[in-house]
């Protein structure tokens, strides 16, 4: 039932996040062009660090559930998440993601589980190379000639025809609110939705991030309660107690 509920929520979030019209997209070369749209997207600075607290719901091949997550991340560096039981405030574990590894400390069992960075324990939005961009909706499409710009209702859709990747942009914010990657058969590989934008300092960030990867059977919803931008992060260590057993998870 939990998995069904999460999938239904993801579907609803996807429909609400894109606000896509049923009308066919139309070309709009006289109103916007790909270069100026990219300039507007790239004008939003990417923070060097993020501290956040939110509710994280995950459905992966090895874990399903909803927990409170405290997140600390330096851009391009390690990402630390501490998980607590909702309503009880009891920390049950911590996850540390680095460039090439994932470490999960199970506080209740006093064990440390280790795996490569592509292990399906944590959704790909937390891959440290692009975590801040993914978590804050600051993905930046590359500037190249294989871009097609269309209008769908009051939104813009920028498509990378070479990579088969599409970005839905809200010109009221000049922010990407949906990005999806498809394969050569047009099957969805993964997608991200950003919605409920709110102000932090002088910038706007999405309060809600939805990640879907049908090909990997991984889904996640991150709903922020608070976000701090460019705050100093003293440490992203797991701070393990003595005597913790280590378990290497098998590669998949």
Protein backbone atom coordinates (compact mmCIF):
# COMPACT_ATOMS: atom_id res chain seq x y z
CA UNK A 1 0.00 0.00 0.00
CA UNK A 2 2.84 2.39 0.82
CA UNK A 3 4.38 1.84 -2.62
CA UNK A 4 1.04 2.39 -4.36
CA UNK A 5 0.46 5.60 -2.37
CA UNK A 6 3.90 6.93 -3.26
CA UNK A 7 3.42 6.20 -6.97
CA UNK A 8 0.03 7.94 -6.93
CA UNK A 9 1.58 10.95 -5.22
CA UNK A 10 4.38 11.04 -7.79
CA UNK A 11 1.88 10.96 -10.62
CA UNK A 12 -0.14 13.78 -9.10
CA UNK A 13 2.97 15.86 -8.48
CA UNK A 14 4.06 15.35 -12.06
CA UNK A 15 0.77 16.55 -13.47
CA UNK A 16 0.68 19.58 -11.19
CA UNK A 17 4.34 20.44 -11.61
CA UNK A 18 4.41 20.91 -15.37
CA UNK A 19 1.01 22.60 -15.84
CA UNK A 20 1.16 21.29 -19.42
CA UNK A 21 -1.70 22.07 -21.75
CA UNK A 22 -3.41 19.47 -23.91
CA UNK A 23 -2.82 21.64 -26.98
CA UNK A 24 0.02 20.81 -29.31
CA UNK A 25 3.26 22.73 -28.74
CA UNK A 26 3.94 25.55 -31.16
CA UNK A 27 7.22 27.06 -32.23
CA UNK A 28 7.88 30.57 -30.88
CA UNK A 29 11.03 31.86 -32.59
CA UNK A 30 9.82 35.47 -32.61
CA UNK A 31 9.07 35.67 -28.89
CA UNK A 32 12.01 33.79 -27.34
CA UNK A 33 15.05 31.95 -28.58
CA UNK A 34 17.11 29.19 -27.01
CA UNK A 35 20.11 31.44 -26.32
CA UNK A 36 18.17 34.05 -24.31
CA UNK A 37 16.26 31.35 -22.43
CA UNK A 38 19.56 29.71 -21.47
CA UNK A 39 20.96 33.09 -20.39
CA UNK A 40 17.97 33.56 -18.06
CA UNK A 41 18.38 30.08 -16.57
CA UNK A 42 22.13 30.42 -16.10
CA UNK A 43 21.66 33.82 -14.44
CA UNK A 44 20.57 32.06 -11.24
CA UNK A 45 23.72 31.42 -9.15
CA UNK A 46 24.39 27.96 -7.79
CA UNK A 47 25.13 27.98 -4.02
CA UNK A 48 28.35 26.53 -2.66
CA UNK A 49 26.56 24.69 0.16
CA UNK A 50 23.15 23.76 1.49
CA UNK A 51 21.78 22.86 4.89
CA UNK A 52 18.21 21.68 4.85
CA UNK A 53 15.59 19.77 6.77
CA UNK A 54 12.69 18.05 5.11
CA UNK A 55 10.55 15.00 4.70
CA UNK A 56 12.01 12.36 2.40
CA UNK A 57 9.84 9.58 0.98
CA UNK A 58 11.69 6.89 -0.95
CA UNK A 59 10.73 3.78 -2.86
CA UNK A 60 13.79 1.87 -4.08
CA UNK A 61 14.58 -1.81 -4.72
CA UNK A 62 15.99 -2.10 -1.20
CA UNK A 63 14.06 0.46 0.87
CA UNK A 64 10.65 2.11 1.06
CA UNK A 65 9.51 4.57 3.68
CA UNK A 66 9.21 8.19 4.83
CA UNK A 67 11.54 9.88 7.29
CA UNK A 68 12.69 13.29 8.38
CA UNK A 69 16.06 14.08 6.81
CA UNK A 70 18.65 16.65 7.89
CA UNK A 71 20.88 17.37 4.90
CA UNK A 72 24.33 18.96 4.80
CA UNK A 73 26.17 19.25 1.50
CA UNK A 74 29.08 21.17 0.04
CA UNK A 75 28.88 21.53 -3.72
CA UNK A 76 30.93 18.87 -5.49
CA UNK A 77 31.89 17.37 -2.14
CA UNK A 78 30.32 14.88 0.27
CA UNK A 79 26.65 14.89 1.24
CA UNK A 80 25.46 13.86 4.69
CA UNK A 81 21.89 12.97 5.64
CA UNK A 82 20.67 12.13 9.15
CA UNK A 83 17.35 10.28 9.29
CA UNK A 84 14.88 10.47 12.17
CA UNK A 85 11.50 8.83 12.73
CA UNK A 86 8.66 11.24 12.01
CA UNK A 87 6.96 12.49 15.14
CA UNK A 88 9.38 10.76 17.52
CA UNK A 89 12.62 12.61 16.86
CA UNK A 90 14.64 9.39 17.17
CA UNK A 91 17.64 9.22 14.84
CA UNK A 92 17.74 5.83 13.15
CA UNK A 93 20.63 6.25 10.76
CA UNK A 94 22.91 8.40 8.68
CA UNK A 95 23.95 8.28 5.04
CA UNK A 96 27.17 9.71 3.63
CA UNK A 97 27.53 10.04 -0.15
CA UNK A 98 30.95 10.77 -1.63
CA UNK A 99 32.27 10.94 -5.18
CA UNK A 100 32.58 7.17 -5.45
CA UNK A 101 30.90 5.56 -2.43
CA UNK A 102 27.81 5.39 -0.24
CA UNK A 103 27.99 4.74 3.51
CA UNK A 104 24.90 4.04 5.58
CA UNK A 105 25.16 3.82 9.35
CA UNK A 106 22.31 1.87 10.93
CA UNK A 107 22.24 3.30 14.42
CA UNK A 108 19.83 0.70 15.78
CA UNK A 109 21.93 -2.26 14.59
CA UNK A 110 25.25 -0.45 15.12
CA UNK A 111 26.43 -1.41 11.62
CA UNK A 112 27.95 0.47 8.69
CA UNK A 113 26.90 -0.57 5.18
CA UNK A 114 29.14 0.43 2.28
CA UNK A 115 28.65 0.37 -1.49
CA UNK A 116 29.65 2.06 -4.73
CA UNK A 117 28.03 5.37 -5.65
CA UNK A 118 25.70 3.72 -8.20
CA UNK A 119 24.11 1.40 -5.65
CA UNK A 120 20.28 1.89 -5.60
CA UNK A 121 20.08 2.77 -1.92
CA UNK A 122 19.74 6.51 -2.48
CA UNK A 123 18.07 8.22 -5.47
CA UNK A 124 20.34 9.74 -8.11
CA UNK A 125 19.37 13.30 -7.09
CA UNK A 126 21.85 12.91 -4.23
CA UNK A 127 24.83 12.10 -6.46
CA UNK A 128 27.34 14.64 -5.17
CA UNK A 129 28.56 15.78 -8.59
CA UNK A 130 25.19 17.46 -9.23
CA UNK A 131 23.31 17.24 -5.91
CA UNK A 132 22.83 20.97 -5.33
CA UNK A 133 21.58 21.51 -8.86
CA UNK A 134 19.16 18.60 -8.52
CA UNK A 135 17.95 19.44 -5.03
CA UNK A 136 17.41 23.15 -5.71
CA UNK A 137 16.13 23.05 -9.29
CA UNK A 138 19.22 24.76 -10.69
CA UNK A 139 19.96 22.35 -13.52
CA UNK A 140 21.74 24.11 -16.38
CA UNK A 141 21.24 22.80 -19.92
CA UNK A 142 24.38 22.93 -22.02
CA UNK A 143 24.70 25.44 -24.81
CA UNK A 144 24.78 23.61 -28.13
CA UNK A 145 23.09 23.62 -31.52
CA UNK A 146 20.78 20.65 -30.93
CA UNK A 147 18.18 22.67 -29.01
CA UNK A 148 14.54 23.16 -29.99
CA UNK A 149 12.33 25.70 -28.22
CA UNK A 150 8.55 25.35 -28.09
CA UNK A 151 5.67 26.79 -26.12
CA UNK A 152 3.12 24.65 -24.29
CA UNK A 153 0.39 26.78 -22.75
CA UNK A 154 2.20 29.40 -20.61
CA UNK A 155 5.39 27.34 -20.32
CA UNK A 156 8.46 26.86 -22.50
CA UNK A 157 9.94 23.49 -23.46
CA UNK A 158 13.60 23.35 -24.40
CA UNK A 159 14.52 20.03 -26.00
CA UNK A 160 18.01 18.66 -26.53
CA UNK A 161 17.26 16.60 -29.63
CA UNK A 162 20.66 14.89 -29.57
CA UNK A 163 20.39 13.68 -25.96
CA UNK A 164 16.58 13.21 -26.10
CA UNK A 165 16.25 15.37 -23.00
CA UNK A 166 13.54 17.98 -22.38
CA UNK A 167 13.41 20.90 -19.96
CA UNK A 168 10.11 22.60 -19.06
CA UNK A 169 10.64 26.22 -18.03
CA UNK A 170 8.34 28.65 -16.23
CA UNK A 171 9.15 32.07 -17.75
CA UNK A 172 7.52 33.79 -14.77
CA UNK A 173 10.43 32.50 -12.67
CA UNK A 174 12.91 31.63 -15.41
CA UNK A 175 13.36 28.33 -13.64
CA UNK A 176 13.20 24.75 -14.83
CA UNK A 177 10.22 23.02 -13.26
CA UNK A 178 10.50 19.66 -15.04
CA UNK A 179 13.31 17.79 -16.75
CA UNK A 180 13.04 14.36 -18.30
CA UNK A 181 15.41 11.98 -20.04
CA UNK A 182 14.13 9.43 -22.56
CA UNK A 183 15.81 6.64 -24.48
CA UNK A 184 15.86 6.04 -28.24
CA UNK A 185 12.45 4.34 -28.06
CA UNK A 186 10.98 7.36 -26.21
CA UNK A 187 10.65 5.39 -22.96
CA UNK A 188 11.17 7.50 -19.84
CA UNK A 189 14.52 6.89 -18.13
CA UNK A 190 14.23 9.46 -15.34
CA UNK A 191 12.54 12.76 -14.52
CA UNK A 192 12.64 15.55 -11.97
CA UNK A 193 9.82 17.91 -10.95
CA UNK A 194 10.27 21.15 -9.01
CA UNK A 195 7.29 22.98 -7.52
CA UNK A 196 6.01 25.22 -4.69
CA UNK A 197 8.79 27.77 -5.06
CA UNK A 198 9.48 29.94 -2.01
CA UNK A 199 11.95 32.66 -1.12
CA UNK A 200 15.20 32.05 0.75
CA UNK A 201 17.11 35.29 1.16
CA UNK A 202 16.78 36.95 -2.24
CA UNK A 203 16.41 33.73 -4.23
CA UNK A 204 13.61 31.30 -4.91
CA UNK A 205 13.90 27.56 -4.51
CA UNK A 206 11.43 24.68 -4.87
CA UNK A 207 9.90 23.44 -1.66
CA UNK A 208 9.02 20.14 -3.34
CA UNK A 209 11.28 17.93 -5.47
CA UNK A 210 10.01 14.74 -7.10
CA UNK A 211 12.36 12.20 -8.70
CA UNK A 212 11.25 9.26 -10.83
CA UNK A 213 13.32 6.54 -12.50
CA UNK A 214 11.00 3.86 -13.93
CA UNK A 215 13.94 2.05 -15.49
CA UNK A 216 15.59 1.59 -12.08
CA UNK A 217 12.33 1.32 -10.09
CA UNK A 218 13.41 4.26 -7.91
CA UNK A 219 11.13 7.09 -6.79
CA UNK A 220 11.55 9.84 -4.24
CA UNK A 221 9.79 12.94 -2.92
CA UNK A 222 11.71 15.57 -0.95
CA UNK A 223 9.60 18.24 0.77
CA UNK A 224 11.64 20.95 2.46
CA UNK A 225 10.77 22.43 5.82
CA UNK A 226 13.76 24.76 5.83
CA UNK A 227 16.74 25.59 3.63
CA UNK A 228 19.93 27.48 4.46
CA UNK A 229 22.12 28.58 1.57
CA UNK A 230 25.90 29.11 1.60
CA UNK A 231 26.18 28.38 5.32
CA UNK A 232 29.47 27.03 6.65
CA UNK A 233 29.50 23.27 7.08
CA UNK A 234 32.03 22.22 9.68
CA UNK A 235 31.93 18.48 9.03
CA UNK A 236 30.19 15.81 6.99
CA UNK A 237 31.57 12.96 9.06
CA UNK A 238 29.36 10.07 10.18
CA UNK A 239 30.89 10.32 13.67
CA UNK A 240 30.79 6.58 14.19
CA UNK A 241 31.11 5.13 17.68
CA UNK A 242 33.73 2.51 18.44
CA UNK A 243 32.99 -1.10 17.62
CA UNK A 244 30.72 -0.57 14.63
CA UNK A 245 30.63 -3.59 12.33
CA UNK A 246 31.13 -3.01 8.61
CA UNK A 247 29.06 -4.71 5.90
CA UNK A 248 29.94 -4.44 2.21
CA UNK A 249 26.77 -4.48 0.14
CA UNK A 250 26.94 -6.59 -3.05
CA UNK A 251 27.13 -4.69 -6.33
CA UNK A 252 24.00 -4.76 -8.48
